[in-house]
Amino acid sequence: MSYQESNKPWWKQLWPWLLISGPAIAVIGCAITIWLAYNLYADVSLHEGIVKQGLKVEQVSK
């Protein structure tokens, strides 16, 4: 490594970005997984008073 290359600021070097990229990709993947779980697989009401939770379908008493 030359003297000129060692005096570069940290953001212009390759190694910090390689080290940051792994955890950054994991955080993005986790955020996407949470969004998918919350928005796509929410338990919804089938009819008035009937609720499906997973494979179980039950009638809610009022």
PDB file of N, CA and C in Angstrom:
ATOM      1  N   MET A   1       0.850  -1.170   0.000  1.00  0.00           N
ATOM      2  CA  MET A   1       0.000   0.000   0.000  1.00  0.00           C
ATOM      3  C   MET A   1       0.898   1.236   0.000  1.00  0.00           C
ATOM      4  N   SER A   2       0.622   2.142  -0.864  1.00  0.00           N
ATOM      5  CA  SER A   2       1.455   3.337  -0.971  1.00  0.00           C
ATOM      6  C   SER A   2       1.061   4.359   0.094  1.00  0.00           C
ATOM      7  N   TYR A   3       1.916   5.313   0.264  1.00  0.00           N
ATOM      8  CA  TYR A   3       1.659   6.383   1.234  1.00  0.00           C
ATOM      9  C   TYR A   3       0.407   7.171   0.849  1.00  0.00           C
ATOM     10  N   GLN A   4       0.221   7.399  -0.432  1.00  0.00           N
ATOM     11  CA  GLN A   4      -0.924   8.159  -0.925  1.00  0.00           C
ATOM     12  C   GLN A   4      -2.235   7.427  -0.614  1.00  0.00           C
ATOM     13  N   GLU A   5      -2.263   6.107  -0.778  1.00  0.00           N
ATOM     14  CA  GLU A   5      -3.480   5.323  -0.553  1.00  0.00           C
ATOM     15  C   GLU A   5      -3.828   5.245   0.936  1.00  0.00           C
ATOM     16  N   SER A   6      -2.835   5.220   1.800  1.00  0.00           N
ATOM     17  CA  SER A   6      -3.103   5.113   3.235  1.00  0.00           C
ATOM     18  C   SER A   6      -3.617   6.419   3.829  1.00  0.00           C
ATOM     19  N   ASN A   7      -3.461   7.519   3.131  1.00  0.00           N
ATOM     20  CA  ASN A   7      -3.927   8.801   3.638  1.00  0.00           C
ATOM     21  C   ASN A   7      -5.324   9.172   3.144  1.00  0.00           C
ATOM     22  N   LYS A   8      -5.990   8.264   2.449  1.00  0.00           N
ATOM     23  CA  LYS A   8      -7.347   8.560   1.988  1.00  0.00           C
ATOM     24  C   LYS A   8      -8.305   8.587   3.175  1.00  0.00           C
ATOM     25  N   PRO A   9      -9.354   9.389   3.099  1.00  0.00           N
ATOM     26  CA  PRO A   9     -10.377   9.332   4.145  1.00  0.00           C
ATOM     27  C   PRO A   9     -11.043   7.948   4.153  1.00  0.00           C
ATOM     28  N   TRP A  10     -11.688   7.587   5.254  1.00  0.00           N
ATOM     29  CA  TRP A  10     -12.236   6.237   5.384  1.00  0.00           C
ATOM     30  C   TRP A  10     -13.317   5.947   4.352  1.00  0.00           C
ATOM     31  N   TRP A  11     -14.088   6.943   3.949  1.00  0.00           N
ATOM     32  CA  TRP A  11     -15.197   6.688   3.026  1.00  0.00           C
ATOM     33  C   TRP A  11     -14.724   6.457   1.589  1.00  0.00           C
ATOM     34  N   LYS A  12     -13.468   6.742   1.314  1.00  0.00           N
ATOM     35  CA  LYS A  12     -12.917   6.503  -0.016  1.00  0.00           C
ATOM     36  C   LYS A  12     -12.162   5.177  -0.098  1.00  0.00           C
ATOM     37  N   GLN A  13     -12.107   4.443   0.985  1.00  0.00           N
ATOM     38  CA  GLN A  13     -11.439   3.151   1.002  1.00  0.00           C
ATOM     39  C   GLN A  13     -12.473   2.042   0.815  1.00  0.00           C
ATOM     40  N   LEU A  14     -12.044   0.885   0.368  1.00  0.00           N
ATOM     41  CA  LEU A  14     -12.935  -0.227   0.062  1.00  0.00           C
ATOM     42  C   LEU A  14     -13.363  -1.012   1.296  1.00  0.00           C
ATOM     43  N   TRP A  15     -12.462  -1.266   2.226  1.00  0.00           N
ATOM     44  CA  TRP A  15     -12.731  -2.167   3.347  1.00  0.00           C
ATOM     45  C   TRP A  15     -13.876  -1.727   4.238  1.00  0.00           C
ATOM     46  N   PRO A  16     -14.016  -0.464   4.603  1.00  0.00           N
ATOM     47  CA  PRO A  16     -15.163  -0.106   5.450  1.00  0.00           C
ATOM     48  C   PRO A  16     -16.508  -0.412   4.779  1.00  0.00           C
ATOM     49  N   TRP A  17     -16.597  -0.205   3.473  1.00  0.00           N
ATOM     50  CA  TRP A  17     -17.845  -0.464   2.768  1.00  0.00           C
ATOM     51  C   TRP A  17     -18.141  -1.961   2.680  1.00  0.00           C
ATOM     52  N   LEU A  18     -17.104  -2.786   2.537  1.00  0.00           N
ATOM     53  CA  LEU A  18     -17.312  -4.230   2.537  1.00  0.00           C
ATOM     54  C   LEU A  18     -17.782  -4.713   3.910  1.00  0.00           C
ATOM     55  N   LEU A  19     -17.241  -4.136   4.966  1.00  0.00           N
ATOM     56  CA  LEU A  19     -17.643  -4.521   6.316  1.00  0.00           C
ATOM     57  C   LEU A  19     -19.040  -4.031   6.664  1.00  0.00           C
ATOM     58  N   ILE A  20     -19.427  -2.873   6.174  1.00  0.00           N
ATOM     59  CA  ILE A  20     -20.749  -2.317   6.451  1.00  0.00           C
ATOM     60  C   ILE A  20     -21.828  -3.017   5.630  1.00  0.00           C
ATOM     61  N   SER A  21     -21.497  -3.520   4.455  1.00  0.00           N
ATOM     62  CA  SER A  21     -22.504  -4.068   3.547  1.00  0.00           C
ATOM     63  C   SER A  21     -23.219  -5.299   4.108  1.00  0.00           C
ATOM     64  N   GLY A  22     -22.531  -6.172   4.827  1.00  0.00           N
ATOM     65  CA  GLY A  22     -23.169  -7.373   5.381  1.00  0.00           C
ATOM     66  C   GLY A  22     -24.294  -7.051   6.348  1.00  0.00           C
ATOM     67  N   PRO A  23     -24.017  -6.301   7.418  1.00  0.00           N
ATOM     68  CA  PRO A  23     -25.094  -5.933   8.340  1.00  0.00           C
ATOM     69  C   PRO A  23     -26.176  -5.070   7.693  1.00  0.00           C
ATOM     70  N   ALA A  24     -25.796  -4.224   6.739  1.00  0.00           N
ATOM     71  CA  ALA A  24     -26.794  -3.376   6.076  1.00  0.00           C
ATOM     72  C   ALA A  24     -27.776  -4.226   5.267  1.00  0.00           C
ATOM     73  N   ILE A  25     -27.278  -5.239   4.570  1.00  0.00           N
ATOM     74  CA  ILE A  25     -28.149  -6.133   3.807  1.00  0.00           C
ATOM     75  C   ILE A  25     -29.057  -6.912   4.744  1.00  0.00           C
ATOM     76  N   ALA A  26     -28.538  -7.328   5.902  1.00  0.00           N
ATOM     77  CA  ALA A  26     -29.352  -8.053   6.883  1.00  0.00           C
ATOM     78  C   ALA A  26     -30.478  -7.176   7.433  1.00  0.00           C
ATOM     79  N   VAL A  27     -30.194  -5.907   7.691  1.00  0.00           N
ATOM     80  CA  VAL A  27     -31.222  -4.984   8.199  1.00  0.00           C
ATOM     81  C   VAL A  27     -32.296  -4.761   7.141  1.00  0.00           C
ATOM     82  N   ILE A  28     -31.909  -4.595   5.901  1.00  0.00           N
ATOM     83  CA  ILE A  28     -32.884  -4.397   4.821  1.00  0.00           C
ATOM     84  C   ILE A  28     -33.746  -5.650   4.653  1.00  0.00           C
ATOM     85  N   GLY A  29     -33.124  -6.824   4.684  1.00  0.00           N
ATOM     86  CA  GLY A  29     -33.884  -8.074   4.577  1.00  0.00           C
ATOM     87  C   GLY A  29     -34.855  -8.259   5.727  1.00  0.00           C
ATOM     88  N   CYS A  30     -34.446  -7.899   6.931  1.00  0.00           N
ATOM     89  CA  CYS A  30     -35.324  -7.992   8.094  1.00  0.00           C
ATOM     90  C   CYS A  30     -36.516  -7.044   7.960  1.00  0.00           C
ATOM     91  N   ALA A  31     -36.271  -5.837   7.502  1.00  0.00           N
ATOM     92  CA  ALA A  31     -37.355  -4.868   7.317  1.00  0.00           C
ATOM     93  C   ALA A  31     -38.351  -5.361   6.265  1.00  0.00           C
ATOM     94  N   ILE A  32     -37.861  -5.938   5.178  1.00  0.00           N
ATOM     95  CA  ILE A  32     -38.748  -6.473   4.146  1.00  0.00           C
ATOM     96  C   ILE A  32     -39.557  -7.640   4.689  1.00  0.00           C
ATOM     97  N   THR A  33     -38.943  -8.520   5.473  1.00  0.00           N
ATOM     98  CA  THR A  33     -39.643  -9.658   6.054  1.00  0.00           C
ATOM     99  C   THR A  33     -40.729  -9.201   7.012  1.00  0.00           C
ATOM    100  N   ILE A  34     -40.445  -8.220   7.848  1.00  0.00           N
ATOM    101  CA  ILE A  34     -41.460  -7.692   8.778  1.00  0.00           C
ATOM    102  C   ILE A  34     -42.601  -7.062   7.999  1.00  0.00           C
ATOM    103  N   TRP A  35     -42.301  -6.315   6.964  1.00  0.00           N
ATOM    104  CA  TRP A  35     -43.357  -5.689   6.162  1.00  0.00           C
ATOM    105  C   TRP A  35     -44.242  -6.749   5.507  1.00  0.00           C
ATOM    106  N   LEU A  36     -43.631  -7.781   4.937  1.00  0.00           N
ATOM    107  CA  LEU A  36     -44.399  -8.857   4.305  1.00  0.00           C
ATOM    108  C   LEU A  36     -45.277  -9.580   5.316  1.00  0.00           C
ATOM    109  N   ALA A  37     -44.741  -9.884   6.482  1.00  0.00           N
ATOM    110  CA  ALA A  37     -45.503 -10.595   7.509  1.00  0.00           C
ATOM    111  C   ALA A  37     -46.664  -9.752   8.000  1.00  0.00           C
ATOM    112  N   TYR A  38     -46.473  -8.478   8.122  1.00  0.00           N
ATOM    113  CA  TYR A  38     -47.524  -7.603   8.640  1.00  0.00           C
ATOM    114  C   TYR A  38     -48.611  -7.338   7.597  1.00  0.00           C
ATOM    115  N   ASN A  39     -48.236  -7.113   6.354  1.00  0.00           N
ATOM    116  CA  ASN A  39     -49.209  -6.702   5.337  1.00  0.00           C
ATOM    117  C   ASN A  39     -49.842  -7.847   4.549  1.00  0.00           C
ATOM    118  N   LEU A  40     -49.125  -8.920   4.308  1.00  0.00           N
ATOM    119  CA  LEU A  40     -49.651  -9.964   3.438  1.00  0.00           C
ATOM    120  C   LEU A  40     -50.360 -11.081   4.182  1.00  0.00           C
ATOM    121  N   TYR A  41     -50.010 -11.318   5.420  1.00  0.00           N
ATOM    122  CA  TYR A  41     -50.561 -12.471   6.119  1.00  0.00           C
ATOM    123  C   TYR A  41     -51.369 -12.082   7.348  1.00  0.00           C
ATOM    124  N   ALA A  42     -52.005 -10.947   7.313  1.00  0.00           N
ATOM    125  CA  ALA A  42     -52.822 -10.508   8.436  1.00  0.00           C
ATOM    126  C   ALA A  42     -54.108 -11.328   8.487  1.00  0.00           C
ATOM    127  N   ASP A  43     -54.567 -11.652   9.704  1.00  0.00           N
ATOM    128  CA  ASP A  43     -55.827 -12.365   9.866  1.00  0.00           C
ATOM    129  C   ASP A  43     -56.969 -11.398   9.581  1.00  0.00           C
ATOM    130  N   VAL A  44     -57.855 -11.791   8.684  1.00  0.00           N
ATOM    131  CA  VAL A  44     -58.949 -10.918   8.282  1.00  0.00           C
ATOM    132  C   VAL A  44     -60.286 -11.586   8.595  1.00  0.00           C
ATOM    133  N   SER A  45     -61.322 -10.786   8.695  1.00  0.00           N
ATOM    134  CA  SER A  45     -62.662 -11.288   8.946  1.00  0.00           C
ATOM    135  C   SER A  45     -63.247 -11.832   7.644  1.00  0.00           C
ATOM    136  N   LEU A  46     -63.752 -13.082   7.680  1.00  0.00           N
ATOM    137  CA  LEU A  46     -64.334 -13.692   6.494  1.00  0.00           C
ATOM    138  C   LEU A  46     -65.763 -13.195   6.271  1.00  0.00           C
ATOM    139  N   HIS A  47     -66.572 -13.281   7.294  1.00  0.00           N
ATOM    140  CA  HIS A  47     -67.946 -12.792   7.281  1.00  0.00           C
ATOM    141  C   HIS A  47     -68.196 -12.135   8.631  1.00  0.00           C
ATOM    142  N   GLU A  48     -69.358 -11.563   8.788  1.00  0.00           N
ATOM    143  CA  GLU A  48     -69.701 -10.921  10.059  1.00  0.00           C
ATOM    144  C   GLU A  48     -69.648 -11.951  11.193  1.00  0.00           C
ATOM    145  N   GLY A  49     -68.740 -11.750  12.138  1.00  0.00           N
ATOM    146  CA  GLY A  49     -68.648 -12.622  13.301  1.00  0.00           C
ATOM    147  C   GLY A  49     -67.802 -13.863  13.111  1.00  0.00           C
ATOM    148  N   ILE A  50     -67.205 -14.077  11.942  1.00  0.00           N
ATOM    149  CA  ILE A  50     -66.359 -15.249  11.702  1.00  0.00           C
ATOM    150  C   ILE A  50     -64.933 -14.763  11.438  1.00  0.00           C
ATOM    151  N   VAL A  51     -63.990 -15.354  12.150  1.00  0.00           N
ATOM    152  CA  VAL A  51     -62.595 -14.927  12.055  1.00  0.00           C
ATOM    153  C   VAL A  51     -61.729 -16.141  11.767  1.00  0.00           C
ATOM    154  N   LYS A  52     -60.781 -16.004  10.848  1.00  0.00           N
ATOM    155  CA  LYS A  52     -59.825 -17.063  10.545  1.00  0.00           C
ATOM    156  C   LYS A  52     -58.483 -16.667  11.141  1.00  0.00           C
ATOM    157  N   GLN A  53     -57.928 -17.532  11.996  1.00  0.00           N
ATOM    158  CA  GLN A  53     -56.621 -17.314  12.584  1.00  0.00           C
ATOM    159  C   GLN A  53     -55.774 -18.529  12.246  1.00  0.00           C
ATOM    160  N   GLY A  54     -54.912 -18.394  11.261  1.00  0.00           N
ATOM    161  CA  GLY A  54     -54.127 -19.527  10.785  1.00  0.00           C
ATOM    162  C   GLY A  54     -55.034 -20.499  10.058  1.00  0.00           C
ATOM    163  N   LEU A  55     -55.045 -21.777  10.479  1.00  0.00           N
ATOM    164  CA  LEU A  55     -55.925 -22.770   9.873  1.00  0.00           C
ATOM    165  C   LEU A  55     -57.248 -22.875  10.613  1.00  0.00           C
ATOM    166  N   LYS A  56     -57.366 -22.216  11.741  1.00  0.00           N
ATOM    167  CA  LYS A  56     -58.550 -22.306  12.592  1.00  0.00           C
ATOM    168  C   LYS A  56     -59.560 -21.221  12.204  1.00  0.00           C
ATOM    169  N   VAL A  57     -60.810 -21.639  11.981  1.00  0.00           N
ATOM    170  CA  VAL A  57     -61.896 -20.700  11.680  1.00  0.00           C
ATOM    171  C   VAL A  57     -62.886 -20.797  12.819  1.00  0.00           C
ATOM    172  N   GLU A  58     -63.200 -19.662  13.435  1.00  0.00           N
ATOM    173  CA  GLU A  58     -64.112 -19.675  14.582  1.00  0.00           C
ATOM    174  C   GLU A  58     -65.091 -18.525  14.506  1.00  0.00           C
ATOM    175  N   GLN A  59     -66.215 -18.707  15.183  1.00  0.00           N
ATOM    176  CA  GLN A  59     -67.237 -17.678  15.234  1.00  0.00           C
ATOM    177  C   GLN A  59     -67.044 -16.880  16.514  1.00  0.00           C
ATOM    178  N   VAL A  60     -67.028 -15.570  16.367  1.00  0.00           N
ATOM    179  CA  VAL A  60     -66.816 -14.694  17.509  1.00  0.00           C
ATOM    180  C   VAL A  60     -68.180 -14.341  18.084  1.00  0.00           C
ATOM    181  N   SER A  61     -68.353 -14.584  19.385  1.00  0.00           N
ATOM    182  CA  SER A  61     -69.631 -14.250  20.020  1.00  0.00           C
ATOM    183  C   SER A  61     -69.645 -12.770  20.380  1.00  0.00           C
ATOM    184  N   LYS A  62     -70.810 -12.178  20.272  1.00  0.00           N
ATOM    185  CA  LYS A  62     -70.931 -10.747  20.564  1.00  0.00           C
ATOM    186  C   LYS A  62     -71.636 -10.523  21.873  1.00  0.00           C
TER     187      LYS A  62
END
